[in-house]
Amino acid sequence: MSLKGFVNNPQLWDAFIEEINAKLELRKKTLIGTNEYEHILREQGAIRALERLLYLRDEVNGRDKN
């Protein structure tokens, strides 16, 4: 699989996780500050997608995240 090199490289993976966490924080702040239903749904979807990326290594390496 082509992602194995990426997810198993500690330098790349740590930088990726750091970036994902920064984006999560921004999305959460935006979610807290909005009161429009459509924006709430959009932010919730973005947060869920970013959170799934945190488990990319486990998915690529075939580990169950349960």
Protein backbone atom coordinates (compact mmCIF):
# COMPACT_ATOMS: atom_id res chain seq x y z
CA MET A 1 0.00 0.00 0.00
CA SER A 2 1.38 3.42 -0.92
CA LEU A 3 0.58 5.10 2.43
CA LYS A 4 2.64 2.70 4.55
CA GLY A 5 5.82 4.70 3.99
CA PHE A 6 4.11 7.87 5.13
CA VAL A 7 2.33 6.53 8.22
CA ASN A 8 5.36 4.55 9.40
CA ASN A 9 7.82 7.44 9.05
CA PRO A 10 7.89 9.02 12.55
CA GLN A 11 8.98 12.47 11.35
CA LEU A 12 6.30 12.71 8.68
CA TRP A 13 3.61 11.14 10.83
CA ASP A 14 4.29 13.39 13.83
CA ALA A 15 4.20 16.51 11.64
CA PHE A 16 0.94 15.30 10.07
CA ILE A 17 -0.67 14.69 13.48
CA GLU A 18 0.47 18.09 14.68
CA GLU A 19 -1.16 19.73 11.66
CA ILE A 20 -4.38 17.73 12.08
CA ASN A 21 -4.59 18.71 15.75
CA ALA A 22 -4.09 22.39 14.88
CA LYS A 23 -6.87 22.20 12.29
CA LEU A 24 -9.12 20.43 14.81
CA GLU A 25 -8.64 23.22 17.32
CA LEU A 26 -9.57 25.85 14.74
CA ARG A 27 -12.69 23.93 13.70
CA LYS A 28 -13.76 23.46 17.32
CA LYS A 29 -13.36 27.19 18.01
CA THR A 30 -15.40 27.96 14.91
CA LEU A 31 -18.08 25.50 16.01
CA ILE A 32 -18.32 27.12 19.43
CA GLY A 33 -18.70 30.56 17.85
CA THR A 34 -21.40 29.77 15.34
CA ASN A 35 -25.13 29.67 15.82
CA GLU A 36 -26.29 28.87 12.28
CA TYR A 37 -27.49 25.31 11.87
CA GLU A 38 -25.81 24.76 8.49
CA HIS A 39 -22.48 26.01 9.81
CA ILE A 40 -22.76 23.76 12.85
CA LEU A 41 -23.31 20.74 10.63
CA ARG A 42 -20.42 21.72 8.37
CA GLU A 43 -18.04 22.13 11.29
CA GLN A 44 -19.15 18.86 12.87
CA GLY A 45 -18.51 17.06 9.58
CA ALA A 46 -15.08 18.63 9.22
CA ILE A 47 -14.18 17.68 12.79
CA ARG A 48 -15.28 14.09 12.23
CA ALA A 49 -13.23 13.85 9.01
CA LEU A 50 -10.14 15.24 10.74
CA GLU A 51 -10.59 12.89 13.69
CA ARG A 52 -10.72 9.93 11.31
CA LEU A 53 -7.35 10.99 9.90
CA LEU A 54 -5.88 10.50 13.37
CA TYR A 55 -6.56 6.77 12.90
CA LEU A 56 -5.06 6.57 9.41
CA ARG A 57 -1.95 4.74 10.61
CA ASP A 58 -4.05 2.04 12.26
CA GLU A 59 -6.20 1.63 9.17
CA VAL A 60 -3.21 1.44 6.81
CA ASN A 61 -1.37 -1.02 9.05
CA GLY A 62 -4.50 -3.13 9.46
CA ARG A 63 -5.08 -2.59 13.14
CA ASP A 64 -8.60 -2.44 14.54
CA LYS A 65 -9.23 0.85 16.38
CA ASN A 66 -11.77 -0.68 18.80
